[in-house]
Amino acid sequence: MHQPPGLLMVPSYIFGPHMQMESRASKASNLLVAMAPWLLLLPAMAMVLLHPPTAAQAQAQPSPGYYPSSRVRAMAFSEGYDNLWGPQHQRLSQDQKALTLLMDSSSGSGFKSKRSYRNGYFGVSIKVQPGYTAGVNTAFYLSNNELYPGNHDEIDMELLGTVPGEPYTLQTNVYVRGTGDGARLVGREMRFHLWFDPAADFHHYAILWNPDQIVFLVDDVPIRRYGFTGFFPDREMWAYGSIWDASDWATDGGRYRADYRYQPFLAGFQGFKIAGCEVAAPSTCRPVPASPSGIGLSSQQQDAMRWAQQAPIMVYYYCNDRTKDRALYPEC
């Protein structure tokens, strides 16, 4: 027998023959007693129907089994970085372990590593601002744009601002030898709605750039692996952090823009970690391995990455975009 969706099926034993001898009042009383356990479940069932759990909530974050961040010590900001622009929009803690960047209608702010590297582990813990943050781009990335203007390489992790009720988007991207320059960009974006609120607490974002692969990590969970192809960055780069106005594209393709009635916009950075091979380092220098074996990712890491690349966490993958010219993306 079919019942309308959302209605409870009352067990048949409640209406047995003995109830025909009872008064209406007794029947009602017994019915309420019998249905009491079911009635207690109604609020919870209503919440499930109205607010079904997402896949990310239904399945807890898996353990990657290997934690590259634990192999790198945290440093003071001034040990590894310098201000790059907007010094009046930076607030450095007295112990130099925490930095706050501010963006308002006059400027944003950014910092840059003191040295360049040919590979390595680059990580930082970030906390972004809640509320209306459309158009605001909080970024941690590697680049050599100052050394190779118009023909640069770049590896990005960008937290893109949002409007109340919608999640932040983490965008990862790789540009190689000028594919991020000029009018025709050839981006390799993957975007994620993270399994936590990045405005609620600090979380660790890292780029592990080895000669044969790039691994993007969030709290040591590998969310993306970009393997060695014909399009792979192999020139020295610096590490950067910044907050800036990307209203033209950052939030829903530019539909929502930065609203400076909510300024200043803040981004906290702490737990600065760099372990890489500088340009002058000997050929024997090896970066932090991406896995226990040092080759690819372990099976447990791959399971964690597959979890992170399923809906509703991963929301965009450039290889699945049919509007892209496949000739420009041989790895797809």
Protein backbone atom coordinates (compact mmCIF):
# COMPACT_ATOMS: atom_id res chain seq x y z
CA MET A 1 0.00 0.00 0.00
CA HIS A 2 1.35 3.45 -0.89
CA GLN A 3 1.09 6.40 1.45
CA PRO A 4 1.46 10.11 0.68
CA PRO A 5 5.07 11.30 1.09
CA GLY A 6 5.85 12.65 4.53
CA LEU A 7 3.01 10.81 6.37
CA LEU A 8 3.79 8.30 9.09
CA MET A 9 2.53 4.73 8.75
CA VAL A 10 0.97 3.76 12.09
CA PRO A 11 1.52 0.07 12.98
CA SER A 12 -1.60 -2.06 12.39
CA TYR A 13 -1.53 -3.61 15.86
CA ILE A 14 -2.66 -0.28 17.30
CA PHE A 15 -6.13 -0.87 15.84
CA GLY A 16 -6.64 -4.48 17.01
CA PRO A 17 -10.17 -5.93 17.77
CA HIS A 18 -9.91 -5.23 21.50
CA MET A 19 -10.18 -1.51 20.80
CA GLN A 20 -13.77 -1.92 19.54
CA MET A 21 -14.93 -2.54 23.15
CA GLU A 22 -13.36 0.64 24.51
CA SER A 23 -14.89 4.04 24.77
CA ARG A 24 -13.91 6.77 22.38
CA ALA A 25 -11.95 8.51 25.12
CA SER A 26 -10.08 5.31 25.91
CA LYS A 27 -9.35 4.77 22.25
CA ALA A 28 -7.95 8.25 21.88
CA SER A 29 -5.83 7.84 25.01
CA ASN A 30 -4.42 4.50 23.91
CA LEU A 31 -3.76 5.83 20.42
CA LEU A 32 -1.77 8.76 21.77
CA VAL A 33 0.24 6.46 24.03
CA ALA A 34 1.00 4.11 21.15
CA MET A 35 1.95 6.93 18.81
CA ALA A 36 4.03 8.86 21.35
CA PRO A 37 7.40 7.47 20.14
CA TRP A 38 6.45 8.34 16.57
CA LEU A 39 5.32 11.84 17.48
CA LEU A 40 8.62 12.52 19.22
CA LEU A 41 10.41 11.83 15.95
CA LEU A 42 8.35 14.30 13.93
CA PRO A 43 10.51 17.41 14.59
CA ALA A 44 13.70 15.58 13.66
CA MET A 45 12.09 14.10 10.55
CA ALA A 46 10.84 17.52 9.53
CA MET A 47 14.35 18.96 9.86
CA VAL A 48 15.77 16.20 7.67
CA LEU A 49 13.11 16.79 5.03
CA LEU A 50 13.55 20.56 5.05
CA HIS A 51 17.33 20.58 5.44
CA PRO A 52 18.78 17.32 4.09
CA PRO A 53 22.46 16.81 4.98
CA THR A 54 24.98 17.48 2.27
CA ALA A 55 27.34 14.75 1.17
CA ALA A 56 30.14 16.54 3.00
CA GLN A 57 28.13 16.50 6.23
CA ALA A 58 26.98 12.93 5.78
CA GLN A 59 30.57 11.70 5.52
CA ALA A 60 33.24 13.07 7.83
CA GLN A 61 36.55 14.31 6.50
CA PRO A 62 38.71 11.24 5.85
CA SER A 63 42.21 10.95 7.22
CA PRO A 64 44.89 11.27 4.52
CA GLY A 65 47.23 9.17 6.68
CA TYR A 66 50.18 11.45 5.91
CA TYR A 67 50.66 15.03 7.08
CA PRO A 68 53.28 17.05 5.18
CA SER A 69 52.63 20.14 7.32
CA SER A 70 53.98 18.30 10.37
CA ARG A 71 57.36 18.00 8.65
CA VAL A 72 57.79 21.78 8.35
CA ARG A 73 58.23 24.15 11.28
CA ALA A 74 56.30 27.41 11.47
CA MET A 75 58.35 30.58 11.15
CA ALA A 76 57.94 34.21 12.12
CA PHE A 77 56.59 36.32 9.28
CA SER A 78 59.77 38.41 9.01
CA GLU A 79 61.89 35.26 8.78
CA GLY A 80 60.38 34.26 5.46
CA TYR A 81 58.42 37.22 4.09
CA ASP A 82 58.43 40.97 3.45
CA ASN A 83 55.66 43.44 2.75
CA LEU A 84 55.09 43.85 -0.99
CA TRP A 85 52.37 46.51 -1.17
CA GLY A 86 49.83 48.26 1.04
CA PRO A 87 51.98 48.38 4.20
CA GLN A 88 49.42 50.62 5.89
CA HIS A 89 46.91 47.77 5.48
CA GLN A 90 48.97 45.18 7.36
CA ARG A 91 48.84 44.44 11.09
CA LEU A 92 51.65 42.21 12.37
CA SER A 93 51.43 40.71 15.86
CA GLN A 94 54.16 41.55 18.35
CA ASP A 95 55.63 38.04 18.14
CA GLN A 96 55.45 38.22 14.32
CA LYS A 97 53.58 34.93 14.12
CA ALA A 98 50.27 36.38 12.91
CA LEU A 99 49.49 38.89 10.18
CA THR A 100 46.19 40.58 9.33
CA LEU A 101 45.68 42.05 5.87
CA LEU A 102 43.01 44.71 5.33
CA MET A 103 41.20 45.83 2.20
CA ASP A 104 39.15 49.00 1.91
CA SER A 105 38.16 51.34 -0.89
CA SER A 106 41.66 52.82 -0.99
CA SER A 107 43.77 49.67 -1.20
CA GLY A 108 44.38 46.04 -0.42
CA SER A 109 47.68 44.55 0.71
CA GLY A 110 50.18 41.83 -0.09
CA PHE A 111 53.40 40.14 0.99
CA LYS A 112 56.16 38.18 -0.75
CA SER A 113 58.74 35.61 0.28
CA LYS A 114 62.28 36.88 0.77
CA ARG A 115 63.71 34.20 -1.50
CA SER A 116 62.75 32.39 -4.69
CA TYR A 117 62.51 28.60 -4.95
CA ARG A 118 62.62 26.02 -7.69
CA ASN A 119 60.33 23.69 -5.71
CA GLY A 120 59.12 23.11 -2.16
CA TYR A 121 56.35 23.11 0.43
CA PHE A 122 54.57 26.43 0.97
CA GLY A 123 51.80 26.64 3.55
CA VAL A 124 49.91 29.12 5.70
CA SER A 125 46.85 29.06 7.93
CA ILE A 126 44.14 31.51 6.84
CA LYS A 127 40.90 32.80 8.32
CA VAL A 128 38.65 34.98 6.19
CA GLN A 129 35.89 37.41 7.11
CA PRO A 130 32.24 36.32 7.48
CA GLY A 131 29.23 38.18 6.10
CA TYR A 132 29.16 40.07 2.82
CA THR A 133 32.57 39.64 1.18
CA ALA A 134 31.63 39.48 -2.51
CA GLY A 135 34.45 40.50 -4.82
CA VAL A 136 37.14 40.04 -2.16
CA ASN A 137 40.00 37.73 -3.14
CA THR A 138 42.18 36.34 -0.33
CA ALA A 139 45.07 34.59 -2.06
CA PHE A 140 48.11 32.45 -1.33
CA TYR A 141 50.14 31.60 -4.41
CA LEU A 142 53.46 31.07 -6.15
CA SER A 143 54.50 33.26 -9.06
CA ASN A 144 57.43 34.63 -11.06
CA ASN A 145 55.51 37.46 -12.73
CA GLU A 146 58.05 40.06 -11.62
CA LEU A 147 60.87 38.07 -13.24
CA TYR A 148 58.99 37.03 -16.39
CA PRO A 149 56.34 39.70 -17.07
CA GLY A 150 54.04 38.64 -19.88
CA ASN A 151 55.35 35.07 -19.79
CA HIS A 152 55.07 34.03 -16.16
CA ASP A 153 54.17 30.88 -14.21
CA GLU A 154 51.72 30.80 -11.31
CA ILE A 155 50.16 28.33 -8.86
CA ASP A 156 47.11 29.72 -7.06
CA MET A 157 44.95 29.07 -4.02
CA GLU A 158 42.29 31.79 -3.78
CA LEU A 159 39.42 32.14 -1.31
CA LEU A 160 36.74 34.01 -3.22
CA GLY A 161 34.32 36.14 -1.20
CA THR A 162 30.60 35.54 -1.13
CA VAL A 163 27.21 36.85 -0.07
CA PRO A 164 25.41 35.83 3.15
CA GLY A 165 23.91 32.36 2.91
CA GLU A 166 26.37 31.16 0.26
CA PRO A 167 29.71 29.41 0.91
CA TYR A 168 33.16 30.71 0.12
CA THR A 169 34.77 29.22 -2.99
CA LEU A 170 38.34 27.98 -2.95
CA GLN A 171 39.78 28.29 -6.45
CA THR A 172 42.99 26.50 -7.42
CA ASN A 173 44.74 27.26 -10.67
CA VAL A 174 47.93 26.67 -12.63
CA TYR A 175 49.35 29.01 -15.27
CA VAL A 176 52.43 28.02 -17.28
CA ARG A 177 54.70 30.24 -19.39
CA GLY A 178 52.28 33.03 -20.14
CA THR A 179 48.95 31.19 -20.18
CA GLY A 180 47.81 33.65 -17.50
CA ASP A 181 48.92 36.71 -19.48
CA GLY A 182 47.23 38.69 -22.20
CA ALA A 183 43.65 38.74 -23.38
CA ARG A 184 43.23 35.00 -23.89
CA LEU A 185 43.76 33.25 -20.59
CA VAL A 186 44.23 29.49 -20.49
CA GLY A 187 43.31 28.69 -16.91
CA ARG A 188 43.29 25.29 -15.28
CA GLU A 189 40.82 26.01 -12.51
CA MET A 190 39.35 23.63 -9.98
CA ARG A 191 36.91 25.14 -7.48
CA PHE A 192 35.67 23.81 -4.16
CA HIS A 193 33.04 24.56 -1.56
CA LEU A 194 34.98 23.40 1.47
CA TRP A 195 33.63 20.98 4.07
CA PHE A 196 34.01 23.65 6.75
CA ASP A 197 33.39 27.38 7.09
CA PRO A 198 36.71 29.13 6.31
CA ALA A 199 35.44 32.22 8.14
CA ALA A 200 34.89 30.35 11.43
CA ASP A 201 38.49 29.41 12.18
CA PHE A 202 42.00 29.12 10.78
CA HIS A 203 42.70 26.27 8.35
CA HIS A 204 45.98 25.33 6.70
CA TYR A 205 46.31 25.81 2.93
CA ALA A 206 49.42 24.52 1.20
CA ILE A 207 51.04 24.08 -2.19
CA LEU A 208 53.51 21.20 -2.49
CA TRP A 209 55.44 21.79 -5.69
CA ASN A 210 57.78 18.97 -6.65
CA PRO A 211 59.61 18.42 -9.95
CA ASP A 212 57.00 15.86 -11.03
CA GLN A 213 53.74 17.07 -9.48
CA ILE A 214 51.87 19.87 -7.71
CA VAL A 215 49.64 18.90 -4.80
CA PHE A 216 47.12 21.33 -3.31
CA LEU A 217 46.36 20.57 0.33
CA VAL A 218 43.78 21.81 2.83
CA ASP A 219 44.48 20.71 6.40
CA ASP A 220 46.79 18.09 4.81
CA VAL A 221 43.94 16.62 2.74
CA PRO A 222 45.08 16.56 -0.91
CA ILE A 223 42.26 18.18 -2.87
CA ARG A 224 44.05 18.30 -6.21
CA ARG A 225 47.08 16.80 -7.91
CA TYR A 226 48.50 18.36 -11.06
CA GLY A 227 50.96 15.95 -12.62
CA PHE A 228 53.93 16.58 -14.86
CA THR A 229 52.79 17.29 -18.41
CA GLY A 230 54.02 19.40 -21.27
CA PHE A 231 52.51 22.33 -19.35
CA PHE A 232 54.31 22.31 -16.02
CA PRO A 233 55.98 25.18 -14.15
CA ASP A 234 59.70 24.50 -13.78
CA ARG A 235 61.17 27.98 -13.26
CA GLU A 236 61.91 29.62 -9.92
CA MET A 237 58.99 31.25 -8.11
CA TRP A 238 58.28 33.29 -4.99
CA ALA A 239 55.46 32.74 -2.49
CA TYR A 240 52.86 35.48 -2.07
CA GLY A 241 49.83 36.33 0.03
CA SER A 242 47.33 39.10 -0.63
CA ILE A 243 43.85 40.53 -0.28
CA TRP A 244 42.49 42.52 -3.22
CA ASP A 245 39.36 43.56 -5.10
CA ALA A 246 38.51 41.00 -7.80
CA SER A 247 34.92 42.20 -8.27
CA ASP A 248 35.04 41.76 -12.04
CA TRP A 249 34.99 37.96 -11.76
CA ALA A 250 35.39 36.55 -8.24
CA THR A 251 31.79 36.13 -7.05
CA ASP A 252 29.28 34.54 -9.42
CA GLY A 253 31.23 35.75 -12.43
CA GLY A 254 31.16 39.36 -11.27
CA ARG A 255 27.44 39.51 -10.55
CA TYR A 256 28.15 40.52 -6.95
CA ARG A 257 30.81 43.15 -6.34
CA ALA A 258 32.71 44.43 -3.33
CA ASP A 259 30.45 46.66 -1.23
CA TYR A 260 32.58 49.08 0.75
CA ARG A 261 29.81 49.80 3.19
CA TYR A 262 31.17 46.65 4.88
CA GLN A 263 34.82 47.74 4.89
CA PRO A 264 37.39 47.01 6.06
CA PHE A 265 37.62 43.43 4.83
CA LEU A 266 40.07 41.37 6.86
CA ALA A 267 42.09 38.21 6.29
CA GLY A 268 44.21 36.57 8.97
CA PHE A 269 47.42 34.68 8.17
CA GLN A 270 49.48 32.61 10.61
CA GLY A 271 51.50 29.39 10.72
CA PHE A 272 53.85 30.47 7.93
CA LYS A 273 55.71 27.45 6.56
CA ILE A 274 58.29 27.20 3.79
CA ALA A 275 60.58 24.25 3.10
CA GLY A 276 62.00 24.41 -0.39
CA CYS A 277 65.05 24.35 -2.59
CA GLU A 278 66.30 27.83 -3.35
CA VAL A 279 67.77 28.59 -6.75
CA ALA A 280 71.33 28.39 -5.42
CA ALA A 281 70.71 25.14 -3.52
CA PRO A 282 72.76 22.11 -4.61
CA SER A 283 71.22 19.54 -6.92
CA THR A 284 70.99 17.15 -3.99
CA CYS A 285 68.32 19.36 -2.38
CA ARG A 286 64.99 17.57 -2.19
CA PRO A 287 61.64 19.10 -1.21
CA VAL A 288 59.25 17.65 1.33
CA PRO A 289 57.81 14.43 -0.15
CA ALA A 290 54.12 14.49 -1.04
CA SER A 291 53.56 10.96 0.28
CA PRO A 292 55.22 8.44 2.61
CA SER A 293 56.96 6.75 -0.31
CA GLY A 294 57.89 10.01 -2.00
CA ILE A 295 56.27 8.80 -5.23
CA GLY A 296 52.84 10.09 -6.20
CA LEU A 297 50.19 9.82 -3.48
CA SER A 298 49.45 6.87 -1.20
CA SER A 299 46.22 4.92 -1.64
CA GLN A 300 44.85 6.55 1.52
CA GLN A 301 45.70 10.01 0.18
CA GLN A 302 44.05 9.15 -3.13
CA ASP A 303 40.89 8.06 -1.31
CA ALA A 304 40.86 11.38 0.57
CA MET A 305 41.35 13.28 -2.68
CA ARG A 306 38.51 11.41 -4.42
CA TRP A 307 36.29 12.36 -1.47
CA ALA A 308 37.25 16.03 -1.85
CA GLN A 309 36.63 15.93 -5.60
CA GLN A 310 33.03 14.74 -5.35
CA ALA A 311 29.94 16.94 -5.23
CA PRO A 312 29.04 19.02 -3.34
CA ILE A 313 32.67 19.82 -2.43
CA MET A 314 34.18 20.15 -5.90
CA VAL A 315 31.98 22.50 -7.92
CA TYR A 316 34.07 23.10 -11.06
CA TYR A 317 36.74 21.23 -13.00
CA TYR A 318 38.14 22.77 -16.16
CA CYS A 319 38.47 19.42 -17.95
CA ASN A 320 34.69 18.97 -17.65
CA ASP A 321 33.94 22.41 -19.12
CA ARG A 322 32.64 21.84 -22.65
CA THR A 323 33.14 25.49 -23.54
CA LYS A 324 36.92 25.02 -23.29
CA ASP A 325 39.03 24.41 -26.40
CA ARG A 326 40.34 20.90 -25.74
CA ALA A 327 43.34 21.53 -28.00
CA LEU A 328 44.65 23.88 -25.31
CA TYR A 329 44.36 21.24 -22.58
CA PRO A 330 46.12 18.05 -23.74
CA GLU A 331 46.11 16.68 -20.17
CA CYS A 332 42.30 16.46 -20.31
